[in-house]
Amino acid sequence: TMEYYNKAAKIWEIIHKNESDKKDYLVTVYQNLTFKYLAYGDIDNARKACKKLNHYFEKKYKSVESRSQENYFDSKKSYIFSNVRMQIADNNVQKAVALVADLTNDPIFDYADKDNLRYLMGCNEAIMDFYMDHQQYKNAITLGLKSNQIASKYDYKDFVATTNAKISNAYKNLNQYQLALHYLEKAIEANNQNKIFNSSKYTLATLKANLLEKNNQQNRAADLVKNNLELLLLQHQKRKKTIEKINFNDVKNLVSTEFIKLFIESGKVYCNQFLISKNKHELDIANNLYQISTKLFKEYYLKGEYNEALNRYQSEINEGLLNIAIQKKISFTEKTDLINDIEQNASEHLIKAYRRKINLNNNNGKYLATINDLKSELYFYQNQKTENEKIKKFNAQKQIEIEKQISDYKTKISLSEKQLSQISASTFDIKSVLAELHSDQVILKYYVTPNAVFCIEITKNDIEINKFNDKKAIEDLVKSNLASNKIIQNNYKNQLSQLYKALIPELNSKKIVVVPDNLLNYVAFESLFNEKNSRFLVQDFDLSYDYSL
């Protein structure tokens, strides 16, 4: 999609180089680009697109007289909305609030106009999301109630649903679960009036299941998840399937952050249900739901940039899969498959970043970027489902044309660049790492997840999954250790001993390779102190670091 918008922007720039853009196509296309780049976490390109939008808007509507033109207020709404999102991305919430005030204070603004209301509510939702991300839950509730009042007064059901859902989420984070459930029911009631297939219906049901868990209604929560996913498949695929039988191919056309989150949360509910019932069938269902979320994540990420939301989802997926692996006591082969799934998702963004640095400002890089864009376009035409013969013929012809373009560009790039373009996280296999290990070596690969720290202990012939439950205590120890490094303290061994107990499993190998994660990247593992033998880690082991398997 971004490729199409970029192409459109170039075309409109050429067309309007020497003539007026009467319909403000450039404002529209750069609004779309700003939105898409922000959605994929590409803040730098979003900022460039927004700067372009601002240039064309401010150039055309600089004078008071120019603001009487037909398209002025429509373009102003695009201008305000894009800049609100951009300010939020840059953590300038007060500037975002001021922009919204500028919109509603404009004499042209009319609350009864549905399009005006759509932009206003979109701005308010972006600000509410900022408050939620920064744990300013009371601010989120205040703005949500204000938005809800406006949306209800002018009968805008979509926004009644979304604002009530956000208010519910804020109350949930304040541990006020009855109020959270109250507002969620309001959101569901409003959304049920929308008869078109939409993700909100299923997302809201999943949120309700989560709240039922908080209210100690685990069985009802699991039943709701089951009915929700089976209904999703029925309405999406027009066929019945039980929750046990649902697989990735059934939902692969629903690749979005909403559905990634839906399957993660559904998996959590079944994990929690297993902890109560000890029914392994429920653990199998949970595992399947997490596997689907893993594949949805991979498909989504390949289309765009790594961002904070995806980072959060990936961490939640890892936690779910690793918890299930421990509960199921999975085999060595299953452990290798699990690590491959986790690492293939985790490493793709490193490869993208590496390619960008290597290809910066050289023709080979530009050719490779064009090839990647063409591949995305080709993927689009290859996955079009239609019974219309004319459209089928058109899609087939487009595929032939794009494949020829890709072939032509490939002839222009050097051998080394061709080899670089073939690097892919999807080819990673932990077995190749095992093959390189010596019998006296161990890799300690850490994963910091929302509620725990996991240490995968990898030797030539075995893989052990260790879980350290008290993540908050580990984080506090690491932060305290970092602070104490600035001054000499007499009790430093006590702190380092606690970190040793928290992070180091029983080891039989003499050579350690540490692959840290998140805050653990700041830990000097060699300095950890083993109080059992009164020696530092580095005194007993040959220690080295790596930052990816």
Protein backbone atom coordinates (compact mmCIF):
# COMPACT_ATOMS: atom_id res chain seq x y z
CA THR A 1 0.00 0.00 0.00
CA MET A 2 2.79 2.43 0.87
CA GLU A 3 4.37 1.79 -2.51
CA TYR A 4 1.14 2.81 -4.23
CA TYR A 5 0.89 5.98 -2.14
CA ASN A 6 4.52 6.85 -2.87
CA LYS A 7 3.92 6.35 -6.58
CA ALA A 8 0.78 8.51 -6.38
CA ALA A 9 2.72 11.23 -4.55
CA LYS A 10 5.40 11.31 -7.25
CA ILE A 11 2.78 11.47 -9.99
CA TRP A 12 0.87 14.32 -8.30
CA GLU A 13 4.13 16.19 -7.64
CA ILE A 14 4.96 16.06 -11.36
CA ILE A 15 1.44 17.05 -12.43
CA HIS A 16 1.25 19.99 -10.03
CA LYS A 17 4.80 21.20 -10.39
CA ASN A 18 3.67 24.11 -12.55
CA GLU A 19 -0.09 24.22 -11.91
CA SER A 20 -2.37 24.54 -8.89
CA ASP A 21 -3.47 21.43 -7.00
CA LYS A 22 -7.13 22.50 -6.92
CA LYS A 23 -8.42 19.35 -5.22
CA ASP A 24 -5.52 19.04 -2.76
CA TYR A 25 -4.49 15.57 -3.91
CA LEU A 26 -1.00 16.11 -2.47
CA VAL A 27 -2.41 16.86 0.98
CA THR A 28 -4.49 13.67 0.81
CA VAL A 29 -1.70 11.40 -0.40
CA TYR A 30 0.77 12.68 2.22
CA GLN A 31 -1.87 12.26 4.93
CA ASN A 32 -2.22 8.61 3.85
CA LEU A 33 1.55 8.13 3.82
CA THR A 34 1.92 9.70 7.26
CA PHE A 35 -0.74 7.35 8.63
CA LYS A 36 0.75 4.24 7.01
CA TYR A 37 4.31 4.99 8.11
CA LEU A 38 3.17 5.63 11.68
CA ALA A 39 1.14 2.41 11.67
CA TYR A 40 4.29 0.46 10.79
CA GLY A 41 6.48 2.35 13.24
CA ASP A 42 8.59 4.11 10.60
CA ILE A 43 8.68 7.46 12.42
CA ASP A 44 11.39 9.06 10.25
CA ASN A 45 9.49 8.52 7.00
CA ALA A 46 6.22 9.52 8.70
CA ARG A 47 7.85 12.78 9.73
CA LYS A 48 9.04 13.41 6.15
CA ALA A 49 5.56 12.70 4.76
CA CYS A 50 3.93 14.98 7.34
CA LYS A 51 6.42 17.75 6.54
CA LYS A 52 5.45 17.48 2.87
CA LEU A 53 1.75 17.63 3.78
CA ASN A 54 2.35 20.74 5.90
CA HIS A 55 4.30 22.38 3.07
CA TYR A 56 1.52 21.96 0.52
CA PHE A 57 -1.27 22.90 2.94
CA GLU A 58 0.45 26.00 4.33
CA LYS A 59 1.62 27.13 0.89
CA LYS A 60 -1.90 27.04 -0.56
CA TYR A 61 -3.80 28.39 2.47
CA LYS A 62 -1.34 30.98 3.69
CA SER A 63 -3.64 33.99 3.21
CA VAL A 64 -7.02 34.61 4.83
CA GLU A 65 -8.61 34.94 1.38
CA SER A 66 -7.36 31.49 0.32
CA ARG A 67 -9.29 29.88 3.18
CA SER A 68 -12.57 30.63 1.48
CA GLN A 69 -11.75 28.05 -1.18
CA GLU A 70 -13.98 24.99 -1.47
CA ASN A 71 -11.45 22.39 -0.26
CA TYR A 72 -9.93 24.41 2.58
CA PHE A 73 -11.64 22.83 5.57
CA ASP A 74 -11.40 19.26 4.27
CA SER A 75 -7.65 19.78 3.85
CA LYS A 76 -7.39 21.43 7.26
CA LYS A 77 -8.90 18.31 8.85
CA SER A 78 -6.28 16.17 7.12
CA TYR A 79 -3.59 18.61 8.21
CA ILE A 80 -4.75 18.62 11.86
CA PHE A 81 -5.27 14.85 12.05
CA SER A 82 -1.83 14.02 10.61
CA ASN A 83 -0.07 16.52 12.85
CA VAL A 84 -1.90 15.29 15.96
CA ARG A 85 -0.67 11.76 15.21
CA MET A 86 2.83 13.05 14.50
CA GLN A 87 2.96 15.06 17.75
CA ILE A 88 1.77 12.00 19.68
CA ALA A 89 4.51 9.91 18.05
CA ASP A 90 7.00 12.55 19.22
CA ASN A 91 5.46 12.57 22.76
CA ASN A 92 4.22 16.17 22.40
CA VAL A 93 0.72 15.59 23.78
CA GLN A 94 0.09 19.24 24.69
CA LYS A 95 0.75 20.31 21.11
CA ALA A 96 -1.64 17.57 19.96
CA VAL A 97 -4.34 18.88 22.33
CA ALA A 98 -3.78 22.44 21.04
CA LEU A 99 -4.21 21.24 17.44
CA VAL A 100 -7.57 19.63 18.33
CA ALA A 101 -8.68 22.91 19.92
CA ASP A 102 -7.68 24.73 16.73
CA LEU A 103 -9.93 22.36 14.77
CA THR A 104 -13.03 22.68 16.98
CA ASN A 105 -12.62 26.47 17.41
CA ASP A 106 -12.69 27.03 13.66
CA PRO A 107 -15.98 28.80 12.76
CA ILE A 108 -16.55 26.29 9.96
CA PHE A 109 -16.47 23.28 12.33
CA ASP A 110 -19.91 21.72 12.84
CA TYR A 111 -20.36 18.80 15.25
CA ALA A 112 -23.39 17.58 13.31
CA ASP A 113 -21.23 16.98 10.24
CA LYS A 114 -20.24 13.28 10.35
CA ASP A 115 -16.94 13.87 8.54
CA ASN A 116 -15.94 16.61 11.00
CA LEU A 117 -16.84 14.30 13.85
CA ARG A 118 -14.82 11.45 12.35
CA TYR A 119 -11.66 13.58 12.35
CA LEU A 120 -12.30 14.93 15.84
CA MET A 121 -12.86 11.46 17.28
CA GLY A 122 -9.80 10.13 15.49
CA CYS A 123 -7.70 12.88 17.08
CA ASN A 124 -9.17 12.23 20.53
CA GLU A 125 -8.53 8.48 20.20
CA ALA A 126 -4.87 9.13 19.35
CA ILE A 127 -4.54 11.30 22.47
CA MET A 128 -6.34 8.69 24.61
CA ASP A 129 -3.89 6.06 23.35
CA PHE A 130 -1.02 8.32 24.42
CA TYR A 131 -2.52 8.62 27.92
CA MET A 132 -2.95 4.85 28.12
CA ASP A 133 0.62 4.18 26.95
CA HIS A 134 1.92 6.59 29.60
CA GLN A 135 -0.31 5.15 32.35
CA GLN A 136 -2.31 8.40 32.63
CA TYR A 137 -5.51 6.41 32.98
CA LYS A 138 -7.60 9.13 34.63
CA ASN A 139 -6.77 11.55 31.79
CA ALA A 140 -7.78 8.84 29.31
CA ILE A 141 -11.13 8.34 31.11
CA THR A 142 -11.83 12.09 31.23
CA LEU A 143 -11.20 12.52 27.50
CA GLY A 144 -13.05 9.28 26.73
CA LEU A 145 -16.18 10.39 28.59
CA LYS A 146 -16.09 13.76 26.80
CA SER A 147 -15.71 12.06 23.40
CA ASN A 148 -18.40 9.53 24.28
CA GLN A 149 -20.86 12.29 25.13
CA ILE A 150 -20.29 13.94 21.73
CA ALA A 151 -20.48 10.64 19.80
CA SER A 152 -23.71 9.65 21.61
CA LYS A 153 -25.33 13.05 21.06
CA TYR A 154 -24.74 12.86 17.31
CA ASP A 155 -25.48 9.11 17.11
CA TYR A 156 -22.04 8.05 15.86
CA LYS A 157 -22.18 4.37 16.91
CA ASP A 158 -18.66 3.44 15.76
CA PHE A 159 -17.09 5.98 18.07
CA VAL A 160 -19.48 5.20 20.91
CA ALA A 161 -18.09 1.65 20.69
CA THR A 162 -14.40 2.60 20.50
CA THR A 163 -14.49 5.28 23.21
CA ASN A 164 -16.36 3.01 25.62
CA ALA A 165 -13.83 0.24 24.92
CA LYS A 166 -10.94 2.60 25.71
CA ILE A 167 -12.65 3.82 28.91
CA SER A 168 -13.13 0.17 29.88
CA ASN A 169 -9.43 -0.54 29.31
CA ALA A 170 -8.45 2.44 31.47
CA TYR A 171 -10.65 1.22 34.33
CA LYS A 172 -9.19 -2.27 33.95
CA ASN A 173 -5.70 -0.84 34.41
CA LEU A 174 -6.95 0.92 37.55
CA ASN A 175 -8.19 -2.52 38.78
CA GLN A 176 -11.79 -1.29 38.77
CA TYR A 177 -13.12 -4.36 36.98
CA GLN A 178 -16.85 -3.82 37.49
CA LEU A 179 -16.66 -0.36 35.91
CA ALA A 180 -14.47 -1.79 33.15
CA LEU A 181 -17.09 -4.45 32.42
CA HIS A 182 -19.88 -1.84 32.49
CA TYR A 183 -18.24 0.30 29.79
CA LEU A 184 -17.24 -2.72 27.76
CA GLU A 185 -20.87 -3.89 27.64
CA LYS A 186 -21.76 -0.43 26.31
CA ALA A 187 -19.08 -0.79 23.63
CA ILE A 188 -20.39 -4.22 22.61
CA GLU A 189 -23.98 -2.93 22.47
CA ALA A 190 -22.97 -0.05 20.17
CA ASN A 191 -20.78 -2.24 17.98
CA ASN A 192 -23.51 -4.89 17.54
CA GLN A 193 -25.48 -2.34 15.52
CA ASN A 194 -22.76 -2.57 12.86
CA LYS A 195 -23.77 -5.47 10.63
CA ILE A 196 -20.61 -5.37 8.49
CA PHE A 197 -17.74 -7.81 9.23
CA ASN A 198 -15.26 -5.95 11.45
CA SER A 199 -12.48 -6.83 13.86
CA SER A 200 -14.00 -4.82 16.73
CA LYS A 201 -16.77 -7.37 17.31
CA TYR A 202 -14.26 -10.13 18.04
CA THR A 203 -11.77 -7.88 19.82
CA LEU A 204 -14.45 -6.65 22.22
CA ALA A 205 -15.54 -10.22 23.00
CA THR A 206 -11.92 -11.10 23.80
CA LEU A 207 -11.63 -8.07 26.08
CA LYS A 208 -14.79 -9.21 27.86
CA ALA A 209 -13.27 -12.67 28.38
CA ASN A 210 -10.23 -11.00 29.94
CA LEU A 211 -12.43 -9.02 32.32
CA LEU A 212 -14.40 -12.13 33.25
CA GLU A 213 -11.08 -13.69 34.27
CA LYS A 214 -10.36 -10.67 36.45
CA ASN A 215 -13.74 -11.24 38.09
CA ASN A 216 -12.87 -14.94 38.76
CA GLN A 217 -15.19 -16.27 36.06
CA GLN A 218 -12.62 -18.40 34.23
CA ASN A 219 -15.05 -20.95 32.73
CA ARG A 220 -17.24 -18.22 31.26
CA ALA A 221 -14.12 -16.55 29.85
CA ALA A 222 -12.98 -19.75 28.09
CA ASP A 223 -16.50 -20.41 26.73
CA LEU A 224 -16.66 -16.85 25.38
CA VAL A 225 -13.28 -17.22 23.61
CA LYS A 226 -14.39 -20.53 22.09
CA ASN A 227 -17.69 -19.12 20.78
CA ASN A 228 -15.97 -15.94 19.59
CA LEU A 229 -13.33 -17.68 17.46
CA GLU A 230 -15.79 -20.20 16.03
CA LEU A 231 -18.13 -17.33 15.09
CA LEU A 232 -15.18 -15.46 13.54
CA LEU A 233 -14.44 -18.41 11.27
CA LEU A 234 -18.11 -18.91 10.39
CA GLN A 235 -18.57 -15.27 9.39
CA HIS A 236 -15.19 -14.96 7.67
CA GLN A 237 -14.99 -18.31 5.87
CA LYS A 238 -18.71 -19.17 5.83
CA ARG A 239 -18.04 -22.60 7.35
CA LYS A 240 -18.11 -24.19 10.76
CA LYS A 241 -15.01 -25.35 12.58
CA THR A 242 -14.38 -26.04 16.26
CA ILE A 243 -11.72 -24.08 18.10
CA GLU A 244 -9.46 -27.16 18.18
CA LYS A 245 -9.43 -27.33 14.37
CA ILE A 246 -8.86 -23.66 13.51
CA ASN A 247 -5.47 -23.11 11.84
CA PHE A 248 -3.47 -20.27 10.32
CA ASN A 249 -4.71 -20.90 6.77
CA ASP A 250 -8.26 -20.22 7.98
CA VAL A 251 -7.36 -16.67 9.06
CA LYS A 252 -4.28 -15.74 6.99
CA ASN A 253 -6.28 -13.05 5.17
CA LEU A 254 -6.89 -11.30 8.52
CA VAL A 255 -3.30 -10.16 8.98
CA SER A 256 -3.49 -7.08 11.23
CA THR A 257 -2.41 -6.01 14.70
CA GLU A 258 -6.02 -6.40 15.87
CA PHE A 259 -6.15 -10.10 14.99
CA ILE A 260 -2.60 -10.76 16.21
CA LYS A 261 -3.68 -9.37 19.59
CA LEU A 262 -6.97 -11.30 19.48
CA PHE A 263 -5.23 -14.66 19.14
CA ILE A 264 -2.63 -13.76 21.80
CA GLU A 265 -5.34 -12.84 24.31
CA SER A 266 -7.39 -15.93 23.41
CA GLY A 267 -4.34 -18.10 24.01
CA LYS A 268 -3.82 -16.47 27.43
CA VAL A 269 -7.38 -17.32 28.46
CA TYR A 270 -6.88 -21.01 27.64
CA CYS A 271 -3.47 -21.03 29.38
CA ASN A 272 -5.12 -19.69 32.52
CA GLN A 273 -7.95 -22.20 32.16
CA PHE A 274 -5.39 -25.02 32.07
CA LEU A 275 -3.76 -23.79 35.28
CA ILE A 276 -7.11 -24.29 37.01
CA SER A 277 -8.39 -27.44 35.31
CA LYS A 278 -5.05 -29.18 34.50
CA ASN A 279 -6.80 -30.41 31.34
CA LYS A 280 -4.04 -30.83 28.74
CA HIS A 281 -6.59 -30.50 25.95
CA GLU A 282 -6.97 -26.83 26.92
CA LEU A 283 -3.19 -26.40 26.87
CA ASP A 284 -3.16 -27.81 23.31
CA ILE A 285 -5.79 -25.25 22.29
CA ALA A 286 -3.72 -22.46 23.88
CA ASN A 287 -0.62 -23.63 22.02
CA ASN A 288 -2.48 -23.65 18.70
CA LEU A 289 -3.79 -20.11 19.27
CA TYR A 290 -0.30 -18.83 20.06
CA GLN A 291 1.07 -20.58 16.96
CA ILE A 292 -1.53 -18.79 14.83
CA SER A 293 -0.57 -15.45 16.40
CA THR A 294 3.11 -16.21 15.61
CA LYS A 295 2.34 -16.75 11.93
CA LEU A 296 0.09 -13.68 11.75
CA PHE A 297 2.90 -11.67 13.35
CA LYS A 298 5.41 -12.88 10.78
CA GLU A 299 3.11 -12.07 7.84
CA TYR A 300 2.32 -8.62 9.23
CA TYR A 301 5.89 -7.71 10.04
CA LEU A 302 7.20 -8.66 6.61
CA LYS A 303 4.98 -5.91 5.19
CA GLY A 304 6.37 -3.07 7.28
CA GLU A 305 8.62 -1.82 10.03
CA TYR A 306 9.19 -3.11 13.54
CA ASN A 307 7.42 -0.87 16.08
CA GLU A 308 6.59 -0.72 19.78
CA ALA A 309 3.24 -2.46 19.38
CA LEU A 310 4.84 -5.34 17.50
CA ASN A 311 7.64 -5.52 20.05
CA ARG A 312 5.01 -5.86 22.79
CA TYR A 313 3.06 -8.52 20.88
CA GLN A 314 6.20 -10.50 20.11
CA SER A 315 7.15 -10.49 23.79
CA GLU A 316 3.66 -11.69 24.78
CA ILE A 317 3.77 -14.45 22.15
CA ASN A 318 7.19 -15.59 23.39
CA GLU A 319 5.94 -15.71 26.97
CA GLY A 320 2.91 -17.78 26.00
CA LEU A 321 4.87 -20.27 23.90
CA LEU A 322 7.61 -20.70 26.50
CA ASN A 323 5.11 -21.16 29.34
CA ILE A 324 3.29 -23.81 27.33
CA ALA A 325 6.59 -25.53 26.48
CA ILE A 326 7.42 -25.82 30.19
CA GLN A 327 3.95 -27.11 31.09
CA LYS A 328 3.92 -29.67 28.26
CA LYS A 329 7.52 -30.80 28.88
CA ILE A 330 8.11 -30.74 25.13
CA SER A 331 10.68 -32.91 23.35
CA PHE A 332 14.09 -31.83 22.06
CA THR A 333 12.75 -31.62 18.48
CA GLU A 334 9.80 -29.51 19.63
CA LYS A 335 12.21 -27.20 21.46
CA THR A 336 14.26 -26.66 18.31
CA ASP A 337 11.06 -25.85 16.37
CA LEU A 338 9.99 -23.43 19.10
CA ILE A 339 13.31 -21.57 19.13
CA ASN A 340 13.25 -21.35 15.33
CA ASP A 341 9.78 -19.78 15.40
CA ILE A 342 10.78 -17.25 18.06
CA GLU A 343 14.12 -16.33 16.50
CA GLN A 344 12.83 -16.04 12.94
CA ASN A 345 10.35 -13.41 14.10
CA ALA A 346 12.81 -11.71 16.44
CA SER A 347 15.63 -11.40 13.91
CA GLU A 348 13.81 -10.14 10.83
CA HIS A 349 14.01 -6.51 11.96
CA LEU A 350 17.80 -6.85 12.50
CA ILE A 351 18.19 -8.00 8.91
CA LYS A 352 16.09 -5.08 7.64
CA ALA A 353 18.16 -2.60 9.64
CA TYR A 354 21.40 -4.18 8.33
CA ARG A 355 20.21 -3.95 4.74
CA ARG A 356 19.26 -0.30 5.17
CA LYS A 357 22.72 0.59 6.48
CA ILE A 358 24.53 -1.36 3.79
CA ASN A 359 22.38 0.01 0.98
CA LEU A 360 22.28 3.63 2.08
CA ASN A 361 22.96 6.00 -0.84
CA ASN A 362 24.17 3.50 -3.43
CA ASN A 363 22.54 2.34 -6.65
CA ASN A 364 22.59 -1.32 -5.66
CA GLY A 365 20.58 -0.44 -2.57
CA LYS A 366 18.06 1.51 -4.63
CA TYR A 367 17.68 -1.41 -7.02
CA LEU A 368 17.13 -3.81 -4.12
CA ALA A 369 14.58 -1.46 -2.56
CA THR A 370 12.73 -1.30 -5.88
CA ILE A 371 12.82 -5.10 -6.15
CA ASN A 372 11.34 -5.42 -2.65
CA ASP A 373 8.59 -2.95 -3.55
CA LEU A 374 7.84 -4.88 -6.73
CA LYS A 375 7.73 -8.14 -4.77
CA SER A 376 5.11 -6.60 -2.46
CA GLU A 377 3.10 -5.54 -5.50
CA LEU A 378 3.45 -9.01 -7.01
CA TYR A 379 2.27 -10.59 -3.74
CA PHE A 380 -0.82 -8.38 -3.89
CA TYR A 381 -1.83 -9.57 -7.37
CA GLN A 382 -0.97 -13.19 -6.60
CA ASN A 383 -3.37 -13.21 -3.65
CA GLN A 384 -6.38 -11.59 -5.29
CA LYS A 385 -9.44 -13.87 -5.09
CA THR A 386 -12.05 -13.25 -7.77
CA GLU A 387 -14.42 -15.13 -10.07
CA ASN A 388 -14.46 -12.29 -12.59
CA GLU A 389 -12.60 -13.51 -15.70
CA LYS A 390 -11.72 -10.00 -16.83
CA ILE A 391 -10.09 -9.19 -13.47
CA LYS A 392 -8.35 -12.60 -13.44
CA LYS A 393 -6.84 -11.85 -16.85
CA PHE A 394 -5.75 -8.38 -15.72
CA ASN A 395 -4.12 -9.79 -12.53
CA ALA A 396 -2.28 -12.46 -14.54
CA GLN A 397 -0.94 -9.85 -16.97
CA LYS A 398 0.19 -7.61 -14.09
CA GLN A 399 2.09 -10.53 -12.54
CA ILE A 400 3.93 -11.15 -15.82
CA GLU A 401 4.85 -7.46 -16.12
CA ILE A 402 6.07 -7.21 -12.52
CA GLU A 403 8.10 -10.44 -12.74
CA LYS A 404 9.83 -9.03 -15.84
CA GLN A 405 10.60 -5.77 -13.99
CA ILE A 406 12.06 -7.74 -11.08
CA SER A 407 14.20 -9.78 -13.48
CA ASP A 408 15.48 -6.62 -15.19
CA TYR A 409 16.49 -5.00 -11.91
CA LYS A 410 18.21 -8.19 -10.73
CA THR A 411 20.57 -8.02 -13.72
CA LYS A 412 21.70 -4.57 -12.57
CA ILE A 413 22.85 -5.46 -9.06
CA SER A 414 26.26 -6.84 -8.12
CA LEU A 415 26.92 -10.42 -6.98
CA SER A 416 27.55 -9.31 -3.39
CA GLU A 417 24.25 -7.43 -3.35
CA LYS A 418 22.45 -10.48 -4.72
CA GLN A 419 23.89 -12.54 -1.88
CA LEU A 420 22.83 -9.84 0.60
CA SER A 421 19.26 -9.83 -0.72
CA GLN A 422 19.04 -13.57 -0.06
CA ILE A 423 19.70 -13.19 3.68
CA SER A 424 16.51 -14.09 5.50
CA ALA A 425 15.56 -14.87 9.08
CA SER A 426 13.26 -17.57 7.72
CA THR A 427 16.31 -19.73 6.93
CA PHE A 428 17.54 -19.66 10.54
CA ASP A 429 17.77 -23.11 12.12
CA ILE A 430 18.99 -23.67 15.68
CA LYS A 431 20.40 -27.02 14.56
CA SER A 432 23.12 -25.17 12.65
CA VAL A 433 24.04 -23.40 15.91
CA LEU A 434 24.13 -26.72 17.77
CA ALA A 435 26.41 -28.16 15.11
CA GLU A 436 28.95 -25.40 15.81
CA LEU A 437 28.94 -25.87 19.59
CA HIS A 438 31.73 -27.76 21.37
CA SER A 439 30.93 -30.25 24.09
CA ASP A 440 32.20 -27.89 26.81
CA GLN A 441 30.16 -24.88 25.61
CA VAL A 442 26.73 -23.60 26.69
CA ILE A 443 24.67 -20.75 25.28
CA LEU A 444 22.46 -18.86 27.73
CA LYS A 445 19.81 -17.16 25.57
CA TYR A 446 17.56 -14.84 27.59
CA TYR A 447 14.04 -13.63 26.79
CA VAL A 448 12.55 -10.83 28.88
CA THR A 449 8.75 -11.05 28.59
CA PRO A 450 5.94 -9.04 30.25
CA ASN A 451 5.76 -11.19 33.39
CA ALA A 452 8.92 -13.31 33.53
CA VAL A 453 12.50 -13.81 32.40
CA PHE A 454 13.34 -17.02 30.54
CA CYS A 455 16.80 -18.49 30.07
CA ILE A 456 17.23 -21.06 27.31
CA GLU A 457 20.24 -23.22 28.16
CA ILE A 458 21.61 -24.62 24.90
CA THR A 459 24.33 -27.30 24.78
CA LYS A 460 25.42 -29.49 21.92
CA ASN A 461 22.97 -32.28 22.78
CA ASP A 462 20.32 -30.64 24.91
CA ILE A 463 18.07 -27.60 25.33
CA GLU A 464 16.63 -26.62 28.72
CA ILE A 465 14.03 -23.89 29.29
CA ASN A 466 14.42 -22.10 32.63
CA LYS A 467 11.86 -19.62 33.90
CA PHE A 468 12.57 -16.91 36.46
CA ASN A 469 9.15 -15.71 37.62
CA ASP A 470 9.91 -12.49 39.43
CA LYS A 471 10.65 -10.18 36.51
CA LYS A 472 10.04 -7.02 38.55
CA ALA A 473 12.59 -8.09 41.18
CA ILE A 474 15.16 -8.81 38.43
CA GLU A 475 14.53 -5.41 36.81
CA ASP A 476 14.96 -3.68 40.18
CA LEU A 477 18.21 -5.57 40.80
CA VAL A 478 19.58 -4.61 37.38
CA LYS A 479 18.65 -0.94 37.83
CA SER A 480 20.13 -0.90 41.31
CA ASN A 481 23.30 -2.52 40.01
CA LEU A 482 23.61 0.06 37.23
CA ALA A 483 23.19 2.91 39.70
CA SER A 484 25.71 1.44 42.16
CA ASN A 485 28.35 1.08 39.43
CA LYS A 486 28.81 4.84 39.54
CA ILE A 487 30.15 4.76 43.10
CA ILE A 488 32.12 2.20 45.10
CA GLN A 489 29.95 0.42 47.65
CA ASN A 490 30.97 -2.02 50.37
CA ASN A 491 27.97 -4.32 49.82
CA TYR A 492 28.46 -4.73 46.05
CA LYS A 493 28.96 -8.51 46.40
CA ASN A 494 25.54 -8.90 47.98
CA GLN A 495 23.87 -7.25 44.98
CA LEU A 496 25.88 -9.26 42.46
CA SER A 497 25.09 -12.44 44.38
CA GLN A 498 21.36 -11.74 44.10
CA LEU A 499 21.70 -11.24 40.35
CA TYR A 500 23.65 -14.50 40.08
CA LYS A 501 20.84 -16.39 41.84
CA ALA A 502 18.21 -14.66 39.69
CA LEU A 503 19.84 -15.21 36.29
CA ILE A 504 22.27 -18.15 36.27
CA PRO A 505 21.01 -21.75 36.16
CA GLU A 506 23.07 -24.74 37.30
CA LEU A 507 25.87 -25.12 34.74
CA ASN A 508 28.01 -28.13 33.78
CA SER A 509 29.94 -26.51 30.90
CA LYS A 510 33.06 -24.40 31.32
CA LYS A 511 32.52 -22.01 28.40
CA ILE A 512 29.48 -19.70 28.41
CA VAL A 513 28.08 -17.58 25.58
CA VAL A 514 25.54 -15.08 26.93
CA VAL A 515 22.85 -13.75 24.57
CA PRO A 516 21.04 -11.11 26.67
CA ASP A 517 17.73 -9.38 26.03
CA ASN A 518 16.19 -6.03 26.90
CA LEU A 519 17.52 -4.61 30.21
CA LEU A 520 19.87 -7.59 30.61
CA ASN A 521 22.06 -6.05 27.89
CA TYR A 522 23.34 -3.73 30.64
CA VAL A 523 24.38 -6.54 32.99
CA ALA A 524 28.09 -7.37 33.24
CA PHE A 525 27.57 -11.12 33.64
CA GLU A 526 31.27 -11.75 34.30
CA SER A 527 30.97 -9.77 37.55
CA LEU A 528 28.09 -11.82 38.98
CA PHE A 529 29.08 -13.35 42.30
CA ASN A 530 28.50 -16.96 43.36
CA GLU A 531 28.26 -16.88 47.15
CA LYS A 532 28.46 -20.71 47.32
CA ASN A 533 32.15 -20.67 46.38
CA SER A 534 32.84 -16.93 46.88
CA ARG A 535 33.98 -16.50 43.28
CA PHE A 536 32.92 -14.25 40.41
CA LEU A 537 31.42 -15.90 37.33
CA VAL A 538 34.42 -15.04 35.20
CA GLN A 539 36.70 -16.88 37.65
CA ASP A 540 34.92 -20.19 37.00
CA PHE A 541 33.93 -19.87 33.34
CA ASP A 542 35.25 -18.63 30.01
CA LEU A 543 32.64 -16.00 29.18
CA SER A 544 31.74 -14.33 25.88
CA TYR A 545 28.72 -12.43 24.53
CA ASP A 546 26.62 -12.46 21.43
CA TYR A 547 23.49 -10.50 20.64
CA SER A 548 21.59 -12.92 18.46
CA LEU A 549 21.52 -16.66 17.93
